[in-house]
Amino acid sequence: MAGSLRKNSYNRAALRIAQHLAPSNAIVEIIELDNIPLYNQDLDTQMPPPVLEFKKKIVAADAILVATPEYNHSISGVLKNAIDWASRPYGKSSWDSKPVAIMGASSGTIGTARAQEHLRQIFGTLNMHPLNRPQLLIASSTEKFDKDGNLIDERTKVKMKELMEALVDWTIRLNNKK
């Protein structure tokens, strides 16, 4: 899932590219966050249908891949909102024990380092298992993607492929320990 709703988001583009760079034993399904309403605890007992569908997809997934933008040195409200919904109601988190990898694209020079660090903190609280390496910080994204959202930077493609391979390996290792 991408933490941006923008149609031509570099993070959405990165997810599409990750689908093609994933190992052959993995399927990357992109989950859109467009229809998820703002979190309201009053609805924990009668969640809106888009939230129930989102939670169902999270539970069914073997692992999670997040492409995050960085807004004001943190994650986007859209991403935080989705994370909050899927963690509710208390005791019924869809995130529990999920392996997760993080990547992010930003036009800035440090990529999404701060947003990724915040996600790691959140994921620890949710009892998720973040992949620590490799980290994929796609800095200066305007130079690494073309106008059609294609990744044109070969070094970034190599790092993304490494991330996808590591996520699959991490997922297999964690599942074998269960």
C-alpha atoms as a PDB file:
ATOM      1  CA  MET A   1       0.000   0.000   0.000  1.00  0.00           C
ATOM      2  CA  ALA A   2       1.086   3.524  -0.701  1.00  0.00           C
ATOM      3  CA  GLY A   3       0.642   6.297   1.796  1.00  0.00           C
ATOM      4  CA  SER A   4      -0.340   8.740  -0.919  1.00  0.00           C
ATOM      5  CA  LEU A   5      -3.631   9.256  -2.685  1.00  0.00           C
ATOM      6  CA  ARG A   6      -2.090  11.255  -5.510  1.00  0.00           C
ATOM      7  CA  LYS A   7      -2.687   9.493  -8.834  1.00  0.00           C
ATOM      8  CA  ASN A   8       0.855  10.092 -10.085  1.00  0.00           C
ATOM      9  CA  SER A   9       2.562   9.548  -6.737  1.00  0.00           C
ATOM     10  CA  TYR A  10       6.128   8.254  -6.893  1.00  0.00           C
ATOM     11  CA  ASN A  11       5.228   5.892  -4.059  1.00  0.00           C
ATOM     12  CA  ARG A  12       2.360   4.392  -6.040  1.00  0.00           C
ATOM     13  CA  ALA A  13       4.744   4.066  -8.987  1.00  0.00           C
ATOM     14  CA  ALA A  14       7.295   2.354  -6.725  1.00  0.00           C
ATOM     15  CA  LEU A  15       4.691  -0.237  -5.717  1.00  0.00           C
ATOM     16  CA  ARG A  16       3.862  -0.988  -9.344  1.00  0.00           C
ATOM     17  CA  ILE A  17       7.553  -1.462 -10.064  1.00  0.00           C
ATOM     18  CA  ALA A  18       7.961  -3.666  -6.966  1.00  0.00           C
ATOM     19  CA  GLN A  19       5.275  -5.958  -8.410  1.00  0.00           C
ATOM     20  CA  HIS A  20       7.563  -6.643 -11.383  1.00  0.00           C
ATOM     21  CA  LEU A  21      10.764  -6.929  -9.346  1.00  0.00           C
ATOM     22  CA  ALA A  22       9.374  -9.365  -6.768  1.00  0.00           C
ATOM     23  CA  PRO A  23      10.690 -12.918  -6.835  1.00  0.00           C
ATOM     24  CA  SER A  24       8.666 -15.396  -8.874  1.00  0.00           C
ATOM     25  CA  ASN A  25       7.316 -17.048  -5.714  1.00  0.00           C
ATOM     26  CA  ALA A  26       5.651 -13.802  -4.594  1.00  0.00           C
ATOM     27  CA  ILE A  27       2.562 -11.926  -5.696  1.00  0.00           C
ATOM     28  CA  VAL A  28       2.352  -8.237  -4.851  1.00  0.00           C
ATOM     29  CA  GLU A  29      -1.207  -6.966  -4.608  1.00  0.00           C
ATOM     30  CA  ILE A  30      -1.594  -3.225  -4.303  1.00  0.00           C
ATOM     31  CA  ILE A  31      -4.177  -2.162  -1.757  1.00  0.00           C
ATOM     32  CA  GLU A  32      -5.666   1.264  -2.349  1.00  0.00           C
ATOM     33  CA  LEU A  33      -6.515   3.508   0.582  1.00  0.00           C
ATOM     34  CA  ASP A  34      -8.786   5.898  -1.334  1.00  0.00           C
ATOM     35  CA  ASN A  35     -12.109   4.699   0.103  1.00  0.00           C
ATOM     36  CA  ILE A  36     -11.144   4.365   3.744  1.00  0.00           C
ATOM     37  CA  PRO A  37     -12.973   6.977   5.844  1.00  0.00           C
ATOM     38  CA  LEU A  38     -11.401   8.820   8.753  1.00  0.00           C
ATOM     39  CA  TYR A  39     -11.061   6.626  11.804  1.00  0.00           C
ATOM     40  CA  ASN A  40     -13.919   6.920  14.283  1.00  0.00           C
ATOM     41  CA  GLN A  41     -13.852   4.680  17.357  1.00  0.00           C
ATOM     42  CA  ASP A  42     -17.647   4.828  17.498  1.00  0.00           C
ATOM     43  CA  LEU A  43     -17.607   2.605  14.411  1.00  0.00           C
ATOM     44  CA  ASP A  44     -15.398  -0.140  15.896  1.00  0.00           C
ATOM     45  CA  THR A  45     -18.447  -2.377  16.341  1.00  0.00           C
ATOM     46  CA  GLN A  46     -19.905  -1.617  12.890  1.00  0.00           C
ATOM     47  CA  MET A  47     -16.969  -0.914  10.627  1.00  0.00           C
ATOM     48  CA  PRO A  48     -17.646   0.579   7.203  1.00  0.00           C
ATOM     49  CA  PRO A  49     -17.457  -1.984   4.349  1.00  0.00           C
ATOM     50  CA  PRO A  50     -14.243  -0.505   2.830  1.00  0.00           C
ATOM     51  CA  VAL A  51     -12.540  -0.893   6.211  1.00  0.00           C
ATOM     52  CA  LEU A  52     -13.708  -4.487   6.603  1.00  0.00           C
ATOM     53  CA  GLU A  53     -12.409  -5.282   3.117  1.00  0.00           C
ATOM     54  CA  PHE A  54      -9.076  -3.588   3.916  1.00  0.00           C
ATOM     55  CA  LYS A  55      -8.731  -5.544   7.170  1.00  0.00           C
ATOM     56  CA  LYS A  56      -9.577  -8.788   5.352  1.00  0.00           C
ATOM     57  CA  LYS A  57      -6.809  -8.153   2.799  1.00  0.00           C
ATOM     58  CA  ILE A  58      -4.284  -7.415   5.534  1.00  0.00           C
ATOM     59  CA  VAL A  59      -5.157 -10.631   7.395  1.00  0.00           C
ATOM     60  CA  ALA A  60      -4.892 -12.671   4.178  1.00  0.00           C
ATOM     61  CA  ALA A  61      -1.495 -11.229   3.243  1.00  0.00           C
ATOM     62  CA  ASP A  62       1.646 -13.173   4.107  1.00  0.00           C
ATOM     63  CA  ALA A  63       3.576  -9.914   4.387  1.00  0.00           C
ATOM     64  CA  ILE A  64       3.092  -6.175   4.008  1.00  0.00           C
ATOM     65  CA  LEU A  65       4.975  -3.719   1.791  1.00  0.00           C
ATOM     66  CA  VAL A  66       4.507  -0.024   2.502  1.00  0.00           C
ATOM     67  CA  ALA A  67       5.602   2.794   0.203  1.00  0.00           C
ATOM     68  CA  THR A  68       5.499   5.952   2.257  1.00  0.00           C
ATOM     69  CA  PRO A  69       5.869   9.573   1.352  1.00  0.00           C
ATOM     70  CA  GLU A  70       7.232  11.926   3.982  1.00  0.00           C
ATOM     71  CA  TYR A  71       4.979  14.759   5.057  1.00  0.00           C
ATOM     72  CA  ASN A  72       6.302  17.227   7.638  1.00  0.00           C
ATOM     73  CA  HIS A  73       9.014  14.771   8.747  1.00  0.00           C
ATOM     74  CA  SER A  74       6.532  11.916   9.309  1.00  0.00           C
ATOM     75  CA  ILE A  75       4.043   9.633   7.590  1.00  0.00           C
ATOM     76  CA  SER A  76       0.954  10.864   5.799  1.00  0.00           C
ATOM     77  CA  GLY A  77      -2.406  11.145   7.517  1.00  0.00           C
ATOM     78  CA  VAL A  78      -3.827   8.728   4.939  1.00  0.00           C
ATOM     79  CA  LEU A  79      -1.349   6.026   5.928  1.00  0.00           C
ATOM     80  CA  LYS A  80      -1.746   6.612   9.666  1.00  0.00           C
ATOM     81  CA  ASN A  81      -5.524   6.472   9.286  1.00  0.00           C
ATOM     82  CA  ALA A  82      -5.362   3.110   7.476  1.00  0.00           C
ATOM     83  CA  ILE A  83      -2.959   1.702  10.057  1.00  0.00           C
ATOM     84  CA  ASP A  84      -5.267   2.813  12.870  1.00  0.00           C
ATOM     85  CA  TRP A  85      -8.383   1.276  11.287  1.00  0.00           C
ATOM     86  CA  ALA A  86      -6.702  -2.090  10.724  1.00  0.00           C
ATOM     87  CA  SER A  87      -5.477  -2.169  14.326  1.00  0.00           C
ATOM     88  CA  ARG A  88      -9.009  -1.864  15.704  1.00  0.00           C
ATOM     89  CA  PRO A  89     -11.011  -2.818  17.610  1.00  0.00           C
ATOM     90  CA  TYR A  90      -8.602  -3.322  20.458  1.00  0.00           C
ATOM     91  CA  GLY A  91      -7.493  -6.953  20.573  1.00  0.00           C
ATOM     92  CA  LYS A  92      -8.411  -7.614  16.933  1.00  0.00           C
ATOM     93  CA  SER A  93      -5.544  -6.040  15.048  1.00  0.00           C
ATOM     94  CA  SER A  94      -5.108  -7.228  11.487  1.00  0.00           C
ATOM     95  CA  TRP A  95      -1.396  -6.351  11.712  1.00  0.00           C
ATOM     96  CA  ASP A  96      -0.391  -8.791  14.461  1.00  0.00           C
ATOM     97  CA  SER A  97       2.804 -10.736  13.671  1.00  0.00           C
ATOM     98  CA  LYS A  98       2.963  -9.570  10.039  1.00  0.00           C
ATOM     99  CA  PRO A  99       6.365  -9.230   8.381  1.00  0.00           C
ATOM    100  CA  VAL A 100       6.654  -5.776   6.800  1.00  0.00           C
ATOM    101  CA  ALA A 101       9.052  -3.947   4.517  1.00  0.00           C
ATOM    102  CA  ILE A 102       9.170  -0.199   4.050  1.00  0.00           C
ATOM    103  CA  MET A 103      10.262   1.901   1.122  1.00  0.00           C
ATOM    104  CA  GLY A 104       9.578   5.477   0.250  1.00  0.00           C
ATOM    105  CA  ALA A 105      10.105   8.081  -2.426  1.00  0.00           C
ATOM    106  CA  SER A 106      10.521  11.785  -1.887  1.00  0.00           C
ATOM    107  CA  SER A 107      11.810  14.697  -3.900  1.00  0.00           C
ATOM    108  CA  GLY A 108      13.988  15.632  -0.908  1.00  0.00           C
ATOM    109  CA  THR A 109      17.620  14.679  -0.455  1.00  0.00           C
ATOM    110  CA  ILE A 110      17.163  12.229   2.446  1.00  0.00           C
ATOM    111  CA  GLY A 111      14.265  10.369   0.948  1.00  0.00           C
ATOM    112  CA  THR A 112      11.743   9.271   3.545  1.00  0.00           C
ATOM    113  CA  ALA A 113      14.133   8.482   6.404  1.00  0.00           C
ATOM    114  CA  ARG A 114      12.060  10.166   9.109  1.00  0.00           C
ATOM    115  CA  ALA A 115       8.752   8.695   7.912  1.00  0.00           C
ATOM    116  CA  GLN A 116      10.293   5.234   7.758  1.00  0.00           C
ATOM    117  CA  GLU A 117      11.625   5.593  11.300  1.00  0.00           C
ATOM    118  CA  HIS A 118       8.159   6.589  12.518  1.00  0.00           C
ATOM    119  CA  LEU A 119       6.657   3.572  10.759  1.00  0.00           C
ATOM    120  CA  ARG A 120       9.158   1.277  12.480  1.00  0.00           C
ATOM    121  CA  GLN A 121       8.019   2.661  15.844  1.00  0.00           C
ATOM    122  CA  ILE A 122       4.353   2.146  14.954  1.00  0.00           C
ATOM    123  CA  PHE A 123       4.964  -1.354  13.619  1.00  0.00           C
ATOM    124  CA  GLY A 124       6.773  -2.347  16.824  1.00  0.00           C
ATOM    125  CA  THR A 125       3.746  -1.234  18.824  1.00  0.00           C
ATOM    126  CA  LEU A 126       1.509  -3.334  16.566  1.00  0.00           C
ATOM    127  CA  ASN A 127       3.661  -6.460  17.050  1.00  0.00           C
ATOM    128  CA  MET A 128       4.734  -6.464  13.417  1.00  0.00           C
ATOM    129  CA  HIS A 129       8.157  -7.609  12.232  1.00  0.00           C
ATOM    130  CA  PRO A 130       9.822  -4.850  10.194  1.00  0.00           C
ATOM    131  CA  LEU A 131      12.592  -5.847   7.822  1.00  0.00           C
ATOM    132  CA  ASN A 132      15.655  -3.852   8.879  1.00  0.00           C
ATOM    133  CA  ARG A 133      17.780  -4.283   5.770  1.00  0.00           C
ATOM    134  CA  PRO A 134      17.995  -3.294   3.060  1.00  0.00           C
ATOM    135  CA  GLN A 135      16.499   0.129   3.512  1.00  0.00           C
ATOM    136  CA  LEU A 136      15.115   1.772   0.405  1.00  0.00           C
ATOM    137  CA  LEU A 137      15.114   5.565   0.577  1.00  0.00           C
ATOM    138  CA  ILE A 138      14.347   6.909  -2.871  1.00  0.00           C
ATOM    139  CA  ALA A 139      15.680  10.463  -2.572  1.00  0.00           C
ATOM    140  CA  SER A 140      15.463  13.050  -5.363  1.00  0.00           C
ATOM    141  CA  SER A 141      12.637  11.015  -6.861  1.00  0.00           C
ATOM    142  CA  THR A 142      11.989  13.546  -9.624  1.00  0.00           C
ATOM    143  CA  GLU A 143      15.322  12.450 -11.108  1.00  0.00           C
ATOM    144  CA  LYS A 144      14.722   8.724 -10.644  1.00  0.00           C
ATOM    145  CA  PHE A 145      11.305   8.386 -12.274  1.00  0.00           C
ATOM    146  CA  ASP A 146      10.279   9.562 -15.710  1.00  0.00           C
ATOM    147  CA  LYS A 147       7.087  11.524 -16.429  1.00  0.00           C
ATOM    148  CA  ASP A 148       5.143   8.245 -16.846  1.00  0.00           C
ATOM    149  CA  GLY A 149       6.163   6.885 -13.422  1.00  0.00           C
ATOM    150  CA  ASN A 150       8.785   4.477 -14.731  1.00  0.00           C
ATOM    151  CA  LEU A 151      11.830   3.971 -12.545  1.00  0.00           C
ATOM    152  CA  ILE A 152      14.795   5.028 -14.664  1.00  0.00           C
ATOM    153  CA  ASP A 153      17.506   4.821 -12.006  1.00  0.00           C
ATOM    154  CA  GLU A 154      19.223   1.426 -12.275  1.00  0.00           C
ATOM    155  CA  ARG A 155      20.778   1.569  -8.797  1.00  0.00           C
ATOM    156  CA  THR A 156      17.344   2.101  -7.259  1.00  0.00           C
ATOM    157  CA  LYS A 157      15.943  -0.824  -9.270  1.00  0.00           C
ATOM    158  CA  VAL A 158      18.691  -3.070  -7.889  1.00  0.00           C
ATOM    159  CA  LYS A 159      17.955  -1.924  -4.316  1.00  0.00           C
ATOM    160  CA  MET A 160      14.212  -2.448  -4.813  1.00  0.00           C
ATOM    161  CA  LYS A 161      14.797  -5.960  -6.130  1.00  0.00           C
ATOM    162  CA  GLU A 162      17.004  -6.663  -3.092  1.00  0.00           C
ATOM    163  CA  LEU A 163      14.256  -5.345  -0.803  1.00  0.00           C
ATOM    164  CA  MET A 164      11.647  -7.587  -2.405  1.00  0.00           C
ATOM    165  CA  GLU A 165      13.897 -10.647  -2.190  1.00  0.00           C
ATOM    166  CA  ALA A 166      14.685  -9.866   1.445  1.00  0.00           C
ATOM    167  CA  LEU A 167      10.987  -9.456   2.292  1.00  0.00           C
ATOM    168  CA  VAL A 168      10.142 -12.838   0.780  1.00  0.00           C
ATOM    169  CA  ASP A 169      13.060 -14.462   2.624  1.00  0.00           C
ATOM    170  CA  TRP A 170      12.086 -12.716   5.896  1.00  0.00           C
ATOM    171  CA  THR A 171       8.486 -13.879   5.507  1.00  0.00           C
ATOM    172  CA  ILE A 172       9.526 -17.487   4.916  1.00  0.00           C
ATOM    173  CA  ARG A 173      11.902 -17.422   7.890  1.00  0.00           C
ATOM    174  CA  LEU A 174       9.270 -15.972  10.228  1.00  0.00           C
ATOM    175  CA  ASN A 175       6.604 -18.421   9.065  1.00  0.00           C
ATOM    176  CA  ASN A 176       8.947 -21.363   9.656  1.00  0.00           C
ATOM    177  CA  LYS A 177       9.375 -20.243  13.281  1.00  0.00           C
ATOM    178  CA  LYS A 178       5.614 -20.367  13.945  1.00  0.00           C
END
